[in-house]
């Protein structure tokens, strides 16, 4: 079992707090276990080793960066063996039956073979959020349609996503909206995020509950169930972004509830650390 406790280190937190207090724009990356967080001023992120697209804001030009590969992306997947997954799944079920968790987001890494470099994949992909990162130790690319938190005007908004269906299925929207299992999972995560916001906010409320959004993928569209939760940041935490983030990570939608015990189950069950890929 890996030795980590899902806590951001104090230097990272204080640096983020400093940037927030002084109005300095910054970029940060946090792995699931919160062992190797990265933070830098936005002006420092102009390096050729870091590319980002954040809801329309970006630091690159596809023409200036001379990306010329016109090949279509090909992916060869290697799915985790059923017996390996079954063993982990049964351990999760054991904990849920014992009342240790109501919801566990069980994940596995699946190796893939691709015909393009990660930087090329970054440029070819379309997503609300995407990032390419490379340093002397690691190289990765990530994408997400999900807004975890948005801080604006002294308020925090969070958008938990739980519940997904293939949009091509007949009556997909109605099926998803009326699926008891999906709604139960979604309600659990909404309740968890409400509790997390109450740590750093007052007057927490759910503005929109279980609305359906469309996500485009390379093999078709998906429908996902989303909610919007809002809270007013406590005065003592105003612009203390490090303290706010530390209180809310890991995101409830990628772990489960109750969070602390579920994180212990994940650490016990999953064969590898998740790292940045979640």
C-alpha atoms as a PDB file:
ATOM      1  CA  UNK A   1       0.000   0.000   0.000  1.00  0.00           C
ATOM      2  CA  UNK A   2       1.352   3.432  -0.943  1.00  0.00           C
ATOM      3  CA  UNK A   3       2.095   5.886   1.839  1.00  0.00           C
ATOM      4  CA  UNK A   4       0.247   9.126   1.167  1.00  0.00           C
ATOM      5  CA  UNK A   5      -2.473  10.988   3.014  1.00  0.00           C
ATOM      6  CA  UNK A   6      -4.190  13.116   0.339  1.00  0.00           C
ATOM      7  CA  UNK A   7      -2.913  16.462   1.641  1.00  0.00           C
ATOM      8  CA  UNK A   8      -1.343  19.317  -0.278  1.00  0.00           C
ATOM      9  CA  UNK A   9       2.021  20.421   1.081  1.00  0.00           C
ATOM     10  CA  UNK A  10       2.127  23.745   2.915  1.00  0.00           C
ATOM     11  CA  UNK A  11       4.550  25.400   0.465  1.00  0.00           C
ATOM     12  CA  UNK A  12       2.156  24.826  -2.443  1.00  0.00           C
ATOM     13  CA  UNK A  13      -0.808  26.127  -0.425  1.00  0.00           C
ATOM     14  CA  UNK A  14       1.003  29.265   0.723  1.00  0.00           C
ATOM     15  CA  UNK A  15       2.311  30.021  -2.752  1.00  0.00           C
ATOM     16  CA  UNK A  16      -1.217  29.800  -4.150  1.00  0.00           C
ATOM     17  CA  UNK A  17      -2.480  32.004  -1.306  1.00  0.00           C
ATOM     18  CA  UNK A  18       0.261  34.540  -2.091  1.00  0.00           C
ATOM     19  CA  UNK A  19      -0.615  34.655  -5.782  1.00  0.00           C
ATOM     20  CA  UNK A  20      -4.291  35.087  -4.912  1.00  0.00           C
ATOM     21  CA  UNK A  21      -3.704  37.919  -2.438  1.00  0.00           C
ATOM     22  CA  UNK A  22      -1.500  39.786  -4.893  1.00  0.00           C
ATOM     23  CA  UNK A  23      -3.637  39.309  -7.979  1.00  0.00           C
ATOM     24  CA  UNK A  24      -0.979  37.244  -9.780  1.00  0.00           C
ATOM     25  CA  UNK A  25      -2.374  34.978 -12.496  1.00  0.00           C
ATOM     26  CA  UNK A  26      -1.149  31.406 -12.171  1.00  0.00           C
ATOM     27  CA  UNK A  27      -1.481  27.864 -13.482  1.00  0.00           C
ATOM     28  CA  UNK A  28      -1.488  24.788 -11.267  1.00  0.00           C
ATOM     29  CA  UNK A  29      -1.654  21.020 -11.726  1.00  0.00           C
ATOM     30  CA  UNK A  30      -2.488  18.605  -8.902  1.00  0.00           C
ATOM     31  CA  UNK A  31      -2.259  14.814  -9.010  1.00  0.00           C
ATOM     32  CA  UNK A  32      -4.960  12.698  -7.344  1.00  0.00           C
ATOM     33  CA  UNK A  33      -2.769  11.765  -4.370  1.00  0.00           C
ATOM     34  CA  UNK A  34      -1.608  15.404  -4.083  1.00  0.00           C
ATOM     35  CA  UNK A  35       2.021  14.305  -3.831  1.00  0.00           C
ATOM     36  CA  UNK A  36       3.464  16.196  -6.802  1.00  0.00           C
ATOM     37  CA  UNK A  37       1.560  19.474  -7.269  1.00  0.00           C
ATOM     38  CA  UNK A  38       2.892  22.006  -9.774  1.00  0.00           C
ATOM     39  CA  UNK A  39       2.267  25.761  -9.643  1.00  0.00           C
ATOM     40  CA  UNK A  40       3.691  28.630 -11.690  1.00  0.00           C
ATOM     41  CA  UNK A  41       2.902  32.160 -12.760  1.00  0.00           C
ATOM     42  CA  UNK A  42       0.945  32.282 -15.989  1.00  0.00           C
ATOM     43  CA  UNK A  43       3.839  34.162 -17.584  1.00  0.00           C
ATOM     44  CA  UNK A  44       6.072  31.165 -16.820  1.00  0.00           C
ATOM     45  CA  UNK A  45       3.670  28.776 -18.562  1.00  0.00           C
ATOM     46  CA  UNK A  46       4.671  30.069 -21.993  1.00  0.00           C
ATOM     47  CA  UNK A  47       7.343  27.403 -22.146  1.00  0.00           C
ATOM     48  CA  UNK A  48       7.117  25.017 -25.099  1.00  0.00           C
ATOM     49  CA  UNK A  49       6.761  22.216 -22.532  1.00  0.00           C
ATOM     50  CA  UNK A  50       3.384  23.455 -21.240  1.00  0.00           C
ATOM     51  CA  UNK A  51       0.332  24.060 -23.402  1.00  0.00           C
ATOM     52  CA  UNK A  52      -3.146  24.725 -22.064  1.00  0.00           C
ATOM     53  CA  UNK A  53      -6.667  25.470 -23.211  1.00  0.00           C
ATOM     54  CA  UNK A  54      -8.918  26.520 -20.323  1.00  0.00           C
ATOM     55  CA  UNK A  55     -12.480  27.275 -21.397  1.00  0.00           C
ATOM     56  CA  UNK A  56     -11.263  29.379 -24.332  1.00  0.00           C
ATOM     57  CA  UNK A  57      -8.053  30.819 -22.833  1.00  0.00           C
ATOM     58  CA  UNK A  58      -4.832  29.346 -24.216  1.00  0.00           C
ATOM     59  CA  UNK A  59      -1.090  29.964 -24.569  1.00  0.00           C
ATOM     60  CA  UNK A  60      -0.333  28.572 -28.020  1.00  0.00           C
ATOM     61  CA  UNK A  61      -0.774  28.915 -31.739  1.00  0.00           C
ATOM     62  CA  UNK A  62      -1.089  25.741 -33.799  1.00  0.00           C
ATOM     63  CA  UNK A  63       0.525  27.531 -36.741  1.00  0.00           C
ATOM     64  CA  UNK A  64       3.390  29.033 -34.747  1.00  0.00           C
ATOM     65  CA  UNK A  65       4.075  25.671 -33.113  1.00  0.00           C
ATOM     66  CA  UNK A  66       4.283  24.061 -36.566  1.00  0.00           C
ATOM     67  CA  UNK A  67       2.093  21.023 -35.947  1.00  0.00           C
ATOM     68  CA  UNK A  68       1.825  19.437 -39.388  1.00  0.00           C
ATOM     69  CA  UNK A  69       0.883  15.788 -38.793  1.00  0.00           C
ATOM     70  CA  UNK A  70      -2.390  15.195 -40.662  1.00  0.00           C
ATOM     71  CA  UNK A  71      -2.740  11.541 -39.669  1.00  0.00           C
ATOM     72  CA  UNK A  72      -5.919  10.478 -37.923  1.00  0.00           C
ATOM     73  CA  UNK A  73      -5.459   9.276 -34.355  1.00  0.00           C
ATOM     74  CA  UNK A  74      -5.468   5.493 -33.967  1.00  0.00           C
ATOM     75  CA  UNK A  75      -5.771   3.922 -30.519  1.00  0.00           C
ATOM     76  CA  UNK A  76      -5.138   0.304 -29.577  1.00  0.00           C
ATOM     77  CA  UNK A  77      -6.570  -0.382 -26.128  1.00  0.00           C
ATOM     78  CA  UNK A  78      -5.439  -3.021 -23.650  1.00  0.00           C
ATOM     79  CA  UNK A  79      -8.249  -3.449 -21.144  1.00  0.00           C
ATOM     80  CA  UNK A  80      -7.477  -4.644 -17.612  1.00  0.00           C
ATOM     81  CA  UNK A  81      -8.110  -8.420 -17.243  1.00  0.00           C
ATOM     82  CA  UNK A  82     -11.577  -9.265 -15.938  1.00  0.00           C
ATOM     83  CA  UNK A  83     -10.253 -11.267 -12.963  1.00  0.00           C
ATOM     84  CA  UNK A  84      -8.133  -8.336 -11.820  1.00  0.00           C
ATOM     85  CA  UNK A  85     -11.075  -5.962 -12.006  1.00  0.00           C
ATOM     86  CA  UNK A  86     -13.429  -8.490 -10.390  1.00  0.00           C
ATOM     87  CA  UNK A  87     -11.161  -8.843  -7.347  1.00  0.00           C
ATOM     88  CA  UNK A  88     -11.077  -5.072  -6.847  1.00  0.00           C
ATOM     89  CA  UNK A  89     -14.815  -4.746  -7.481  1.00  0.00           C
ATOM     90  CA  UNK A  90     -15.621  -7.403  -4.884  1.00  0.00           C
ATOM     91  CA  UNK A  91     -13.477  -5.601  -2.321  1.00  0.00           C
ATOM     92  CA  UNK A  92     -15.422  -2.392  -2.962  1.00  0.00           C
ATOM     93  CA  UNK A  93     -18.741  -4.240  -2.609  1.00  0.00           C
ATOM     94  CA  UNK A  94     -17.525  -5.727   0.693  1.00  0.00           C
ATOM     95  CA  UNK A  95     -16.872  -2.239   2.069  1.00  0.00           C
ATOM     96  CA  UNK A  96     -20.183  -0.877   0.800  1.00  0.00           C
ATOM     97  CA  UNK A  97     -22.131  -3.763   2.367  1.00  0.00           C
ATOM     98  CA  UNK A  98     -20.281  -3.102   5.622  1.00  0.00           C
ATOM     99  CA  UNK A  99     -21.457   0.507   5.498  1.00  0.00           C
ATOM    100  CA  UNK A 100     -17.962   1.950   5.060  1.00  0.00           C
ATOM    101  CA  UNK A 101     -18.895   3.805   1.862  1.00  0.00           C
ATOM    102  CA  UNK A 102     -22.019   4.703  -0.085  1.00  0.00           C
ATOM    103  CA  UNK A 103     -20.218   5.266  -3.373  1.00  0.00           C
ATOM    104  CA  UNK A 104     -16.731   4.352  -4.622  1.00  0.00           C
ATOM    105  CA  UNK A 105     -15.381   5.507  -7.981  1.00  0.00           C
ATOM    106  CA  UNK A 106     -13.199   2.505  -8.882  1.00  0.00           C
ATOM    107  CA  UNK A 107     -10.664   3.108 -11.651  1.00  0.00           C
ATOM    108  CA  UNK A 108      -7.867   1.264 -13.436  1.00  0.00           C
ATOM    109  CA  UNK A 109      -5.105   2.371 -15.759  1.00  0.00           C
ATOM    110  CA  UNK A 110      -5.370   0.778 -19.209  1.00  0.00           C
ATOM    111  CA  UNK A 111      -2.259   0.860 -21.446  1.00  0.00           C
ATOM    112  CA  UNK A 112      -2.838   2.130 -24.977  1.00  0.00           C
ATOM    113  CA  UNK A 113      -0.779   2.238 -28.164  1.00  0.00           C
ATOM    114  CA  UNK A 114      -1.120   5.370 -30.287  1.00  0.00           C
ATOM    115  CA  UNK A 115       0.283   6.477 -33.622  1.00  0.00           C
ATOM    116  CA  UNK A 116       0.801  10.129 -32.621  1.00  0.00           C
ATOM    117  CA  UNK A 117       2.861  11.951 -30.019  1.00  0.00           C
ATOM    118  CA  UNK A 118       1.152  13.369 -26.936  1.00  0.00           C
ATOM    119  CA  UNK A 119       1.748  16.935 -28.106  1.00  0.00           C
ATOM    120  CA  UNK A 120       0.076  16.149 -31.429  1.00  0.00           C
ATOM    121  CA  UNK A 121      -2.877  14.590 -29.627  1.00  0.00           C
ATOM    122  CA  UNK A 122      -3.229  17.783 -27.587  1.00  0.00           C
ATOM    123  CA  UNK A 123      -3.546  19.897 -30.730  1.00  0.00           C
ATOM    124  CA  UNK A 124      -5.953  17.526 -32.466  1.00  0.00           C
ATOM    125  CA  UNK A 125      -8.307  17.245 -29.488  1.00  0.00           C
ATOM    126  CA  UNK A 126     -11.282  19.477 -28.730  1.00  0.00           C
ATOM    127  CA  UNK A 127     -12.277  19.871 -25.108  1.00  0.00           C
ATOM    128  CA  UNK A 128     -13.450  22.540 -22.669  1.00  0.00           C
ATOM    129  CA  UNK A 129     -10.245  21.967 -20.712  1.00  0.00           C
ATOM    130  CA  UNK A 130      -7.028  20.410 -21.987  1.00  0.00           C
ATOM    131  CA  UNK A 131      -3.361  20.461 -21.012  1.00  0.00           C
ATOM    132  CA  UNK A 132      -0.041  19.201 -22.348  1.00  0.00           C
ATOM    133  CA  UNK A 133       2.795  18.990 -19.820  1.00  0.00           C
ATOM    134  CA  UNK A 134       6.381  17.813 -20.087  1.00  0.00           C
ATOM    135  CA  UNK A 135       9.391  18.061 -17.821  1.00  0.00           C
ATOM    136  CA  UNK A 136      12.448  15.905 -17.113  1.00  0.00           C
ATOM    137  CA  UNK A 137      10.378  13.334 -15.169  1.00  0.00           C
ATOM    138  CA  UNK A 138       7.057  12.988 -17.002  1.00  0.00           C
ATOM    139  CA  UNK A 139       5.001  13.803 -20.050  1.00  0.00           C
ATOM    140  CA  UNK A 140       1.231  13.673 -20.239  1.00  0.00           C
ATOM    141  CA  UNK A 141      -1.831  15.136 -21.898  1.00  0.00           C
ATOM    142  CA  UNK A 142      -5.245  15.492 -20.309  1.00  0.00           C
ATOM    143  CA  UNK A 143      -8.755  16.575 -21.242  1.00  0.00           C
ATOM    144  CA  UNK A 144     -11.946  17.238 -19.298  1.00  0.00           C
ATOM    145  CA  UNK A 145     -15.438  18.579 -20.003  1.00  0.00           C
ATOM    146  CA  UNK A 146     -16.040  19.090 -16.271  1.00  0.00           C
ATOM    147  CA  UNK A 147     -15.658  22.345 -14.321  1.00  0.00           C
ATOM    148  CA  UNK A 148     -14.651  21.394 -10.786  1.00  0.00           C
ATOM    149  CA  UNK A 149     -14.776  24.862  -9.219  1.00  0.00           C
ATOM    150  CA  UNK A 150     -15.175  28.387 -10.542  1.00  0.00           C
ATOM    151  CA  UNK A 151     -14.372  31.298  -8.200  1.00  0.00           C
ATOM    152  CA  UNK A 152     -15.909  34.633  -9.162  1.00  0.00           C
ATOM    153  CA  UNK A 153     -17.060  37.706  -7.241  1.00  0.00           C
ATOM    154  CA  UNK A 154     -16.478  36.230  -3.803  1.00  0.00           C
ATOM    155  CA  UNK A 155     -18.449  33.085  -4.658  1.00  0.00           C
ATOM    156  CA  UNK A 156     -17.547  29.511  -5.543  1.00  0.00           C
ATOM    157  CA  UNK A 157     -19.491  27.467  -8.047  1.00  0.00           C
ATOM    158  CA  UNK A 158     -18.973  23.730  -8.425  1.00  0.00           C
ATOM    159  CA  UNK A 159     -20.440  21.423 -11.051  1.00  0.00           C
ATOM    160  CA  UNK A 160     -20.482  17.745 -10.027  1.00  0.00           C
ATOM    161  CA  UNK A 161     -20.954  15.280 -12.892  1.00  0.00           C
ATOM    162  CA  UNK A 162     -22.341  11.796 -12.238  1.00  0.00           C
ATOM    163  CA  UNK A 163     -24.487   9.833 -14.654  1.00  0.00           C
ATOM    164  CA  UNK A 164     -23.618   9.213 -18.318  1.00  0.00           C
ATOM    165  CA  UNK A 165     -25.325   7.576 -21.302  1.00  0.00           C
ATOM    166  CA  UNK A 166     -24.677   7.140 -25.026  1.00  0.00           C
ATOM    167  CA  UNK A 167     -26.617   9.929 -26.735  1.00  0.00           C
ATOM    168  CA  UNK A 168     -27.331   7.646 -29.709  1.00  0.00           C
ATOM    169  CA  UNK A 169     -29.624   5.431 -27.609  1.00  0.00           C
ATOM    170  CA  UNK A 170     -33.316   6.019 -28.312  1.00  0.00           C
ATOM    171  CA  UNK A 171     -34.825   8.300 -25.639  1.00  0.00           C
ATOM    172  CA  UNK A 172     -31.377   8.589 -24.013  1.00  0.00           C
ATOM    173  CA  UNK A 173     -32.194  11.833 -22.195  1.00  0.00           C
ATOM    174  CA  UNK A 174     -35.364  10.418 -20.644  1.00  0.00           C
ATOM    175  CA  UNK A 175     -33.643   7.155 -19.714  1.00  0.00           C
ATOM    176  CA  UNK A 176     -30.812   8.994 -17.931  1.00  0.00           C
ATOM    177  CA  UNK A 177     -33.143  11.447 -16.187  1.00  0.00           C
ATOM    178  CA  UNK A 178     -35.249   8.584 -14.783  1.00  0.00           C
ATOM    179  CA  UNK A 179     -32.489   6.096 -13.946  1.00  0.00           C
ATOM    180  CA  UNK A 180     -32.719   5.509 -10.177  1.00  0.00           C
ATOM    181  CA  UNK A 181     -29.128   4.287  -9.867  1.00  0.00           C
ATOM    182  CA  UNK A 182     -27.641   7.251 -11.762  1.00  0.00           C
ATOM    183  CA  UNK A 183     -29.749   9.763  -9.819  1.00  0.00           C
ATOM    184  CA  UNK A 184     -28.811   8.149  -6.501  1.00  0.00           C
ATOM    185  CA  UNK A 185     -25.101   8.391  -7.359  1.00  0.00           C
ATOM    186  CA  UNK A 186     -25.552  11.979  -8.514  1.00  0.00           C
ATOM    187  CA  UNK A 187     -27.409  12.953  -5.337  1.00  0.00           C
ATOM    188  CA  UNK A 188     -24.638  11.400  -3.226  1.00  0.00           C
ATOM    189  CA  UNK A 189     -21.944  13.458  -4.976  1.00  0.00           C
ATOM    190  CA  UNK A 190     -24.028  16.655  -4.840  1.00  0.00           C
ATOM    191  CA  UNK A 191     -24.447  16.175  -1.090  1.00  0.00           C
ATOM    192  CA  UNK A 192     -20.687  15.578  -0.715  1.00  0.00           C
ATOM    193  CA  UNK A 193     -19.822  18.742  -2.668  1.00  0.00           C
ATOM    194  CA  UNK A 194     -22.318  20.748  -0.608  1.00  0.00           C
ATOM    195  CA  UNK A 195     -20.544  19.574   2.532  1.00  0.00           C
ATOM    196  CA  UNK A 196     -17.129  20.419   1.048  1.00  0.00           C
ATOM    197  CA  UNK A 197     -18.306  23.917   0.124  1.00  0.00           C
ATOM    198  CA  UNK A 198     -19.629  24.456   3.646  1.00  0.00           C
ATOM    199  CA  UNK A 199     -16.047  24.137   4.919  1.00  0.00           C
ATOM    200  CA  UNK A 200     -14.973  27.268   3.031  1.00  0.00           C
ATOM    201  CA  UNK A 201     -18.310  28.982   2.337  1.00  0.00           C
ATOM    202  CA  UNK A 202     -21.543  30.167   3.873  1.00  0.00           C
ATOM    203  CA  UNK A 203     -25.027  30.271   2.311  1.00  0.00           C
ATOM    204  CA  UNK A 204     -24.420  27.156   0.212  1.00  0.00           C
ATOM    205  CA  UNK A 205     -27.246  26.301  -2.182  1.00  0.00           C
ATOM    206  CA  UNK A 206     -27.998  24.126  -5.211  1.00  0.00           C
ATOM    207  CA  UNK A 207     -28.902  26.396  -8.127  1.00  0.00           C
ATOM    208  CA  UNK A 208     -29.608  23.672 -10.692  1.00  0.00           C
ATOM    209  CA  UNK A 209     -30.065  19.974 -10.013  1.00  0.00           C
ATOM    210  CA  UNK A 210     -29.653  17.073 -12.451  1.00  0.00           C
ATOM    211  CA  UNK A 211     -29.618  18.951 -15.742  1.00  0.00           C
ATOM    212  CA  UNK A 212     -28.367  17.176 -18.869  1.00  0.00           C
ATOM    213  CA  UNK A 213     -25.372  18.293 -20.958  1.00  0.00           C
ATOM    214  CA  UNK A 214     -23.934  16.930 -24.207  1.00  0.00           C
ATOM    215  CA  UNK A 215     -20.273  15.938 -24.515  1.00  0.00           C
ATOM    216  CA  UNK A 216     -18.709  15.222 -27.907  1.00  0.00           C
ATOM    217  CA  UNK A 217     -16.150  12.414 -28.216  1.00  0.00           C
ATOM    218  CA  UNK A 218     -14.225  10.913 -31.124  1.00  0.00           C
ATOM    219  CA  UNK A 219     -16.717   8.027 -31.303  1.00  0.00           C
ATOM    220  CA  UNK A 220     -19.965   9.942 -30.786  1.00  0.00           C
ATOM    221  CA  UNK A 221     -21.849  12.070 -28.273  1.00  0.00           C
ATOM    222  CA  UNK A 222     -22.552  11.351 -24.612  1.00  0.00           C
ATOM    223  CA  UNK A 223     -25.156  12.823 -22.300  1.00  0.00           C
ATOM    224  CA  UNK A 224     -24.070  13.554 -18.745  1.00  0.00           C
ATOM    225  CA  UNK A 225     -25.977  14.577 -15.632  1.00  0.00           C
ATOM    226  CA  UNK A 226     -24.699  17.766 -13.977  1.00  0.00           C
ATOM    227  CA  UNK A 227     -25.688  20.063 -11.111  1.00  0.00           C
ATOM    228  CA  UNK A 228     -24.588  23.570 -10.088  1.00  0.00           C
ATOM    229  CA  UNK A 229     -23.835  24.381  -6.446  1.00  0.00           C
ATOM    230  CA  UNK A 230     -22.976  27.868  -5.163  1.00  0.00           C
ATOM    231  CA  UNK A 231     -21.517  29.257  -1.955  1.00  0.00           C
ATOM    232  CA  UNK A 232     -20.260  32.607  -0.635  1.00  0.00           C
ATOM    233  CA  UNK A 233     -16.610  32.410   0.398  1.00  0.00           C
ATOM    234  CA  UNK A 234     -16.050  33.028   4.108  1.00  0.00           C
ATOM    235  CA  UNK A 235     -14.411  36.472   4.632  1.00  0.00           C
ATOM    236  CA  UNK A 236     -11.326  34.989   6.291  1.00  0.00           C
ATOM    237  CA  UNK A 237     -10.687  32.851   3.189  1.00  0.00           C
ATOM    238  CA  UNK A 238     -11.105  35.597   0.607  1.00  0.00           C
ATOM    239  CA  UNK A 239      -8.488  35.069  -2.136  1.00  0.00           C
ATOM    240  CA  UNK A 240      -6.821  32.315  -0.105  1.00  0.00           C
ATOM    241  CA  UNK A 241      -7.084  29.961  -3.049  1.00  0.00           C
ATOM    242  CA  UNK A 242      -4.615  27.460  -1.617  1.00  0.00           C
ATOM    243  CA  UNK A 243      -6.641  26.950   1.552  1.00  0.00           C
ATOM    244  CA  UNK A 244      -9.866  26.710  -0.457  1.00  0.00           C
ATOM    245  CA  UNK A 245      -8.486  24.132  -2.869  1.00  0.00           C
ATOM    246  CA  UNK A 246      -6.866  22.110  -0.099  1.00  0.00           C
ATOM    247  CA  UNK A 247     -10.221  21.808   1.668  1.00  0.00           C
ATOM    248  CA  UNK A 248     -12.003  20.551  -1.446  1.00  0.00           C
ATOM    249  CA  UNK A 249      -9.559  18.081  -2.997  1.00  0.00           C
ATOM    250  CA  UNK A 250      -9.783  15.366  -4.168  1.00  0.00           C
ATOM    251  CA  UNK A 251     -12.976  16.174  -6.077  1.00  0.00           C
ATOM    252  CA  UNK A 252     -15.929  14.157  -4.836  1.00  0.00           C
ATOM    253  CA  UNK A 253     -16.994  12.999  -8.287  1.00  0.00           C
ATOM    254  CA  UNK A 254     -13.720  11.086  -8.800  1.00  0.00           C
ATOM    255  CA  UNK A 255     -13.565   9.403  -5.398  1.00  0.00           C
ATOM    256  CA  UNK A 256     -16.938   8.907  -3.677  1.00  0.00           C
ATOM    257  CA  UNK A 257     -18.579   9.343  -0.290  1.00  0.00           C
ATOM    258  CA  UNK A 258     -17.966   9.647   2.556  1.00  0.00           C
ATOM    259  CA  UNK A 259     -14.749  11.056   1.184  1.00  0.00           C
ATOM    260  CA  UNK A 260     -12.130  10.254   3.823  1.00  0.00           C
ATOM    261  CA  UNK A 261     -13.092   6.600   4.296  1.00  0.00           C
ATOM    262  CA  UNK A 262     -13.644   6.116   0.560  1.00  0.00           C
ATOM    263  CA  UNK A 263     -10.138   7.403  -0.148  1.00  0.00           C
ATOM    264  CA  UNK A 264      -8.806   4.729   2.204  1.00  0.00           C
ATOM    265  CA  UNK A 265     -10.766   2.096   0.266  1.00  0.00           C
ATOM    266  CA  UNK A 266      -9.409   3.386  -3.046  1.00  0.00           C
ATOM    267  CA  UNK A 267      -5.845   3.288  -1.713  1.00  0.00           C
ATOM    268  CA  UNK A 268      -6.391  -0.265  -0.467  1.00  0.00           C
ATOM    269  CA  UNK A 269      -8.091  -1.520  -3.647  1.00  0.00           C
ATOM    270  CA  UNK A 270      -6.557   0.084  -6.719  1.00  0.00           C
ATOM    271  CA  UNK A 271      -3.227  -1.513  -7.737  1.00  0.00           C
ATOM    272  CA  UNK A 272      -1.533   1.749  -8.765  1.00  0.00           C
ATOM    273  CA  UNK A 273      -1.546   5.375  -7.761  1.00  0.00           C
ATOM    274  CA  UNK A 274      -3.743   7.420 -10.092  1.00  0.00           C
ATOM    275  CA  UNK A 275      -1.331  10.313 -10.480  1.00  0.00           C
ATOM    276  CA  UNK A 276      -2.428  13.078 -12.829  1.00  0.00           C
ATOM    277  CA  UNK A 277      -4.662  11.042 -15.091  1.00  0.00           C
ATOM    278  CA  UNK A 278      -7.872  11.667 -13.127  1.00  0.00           C
END
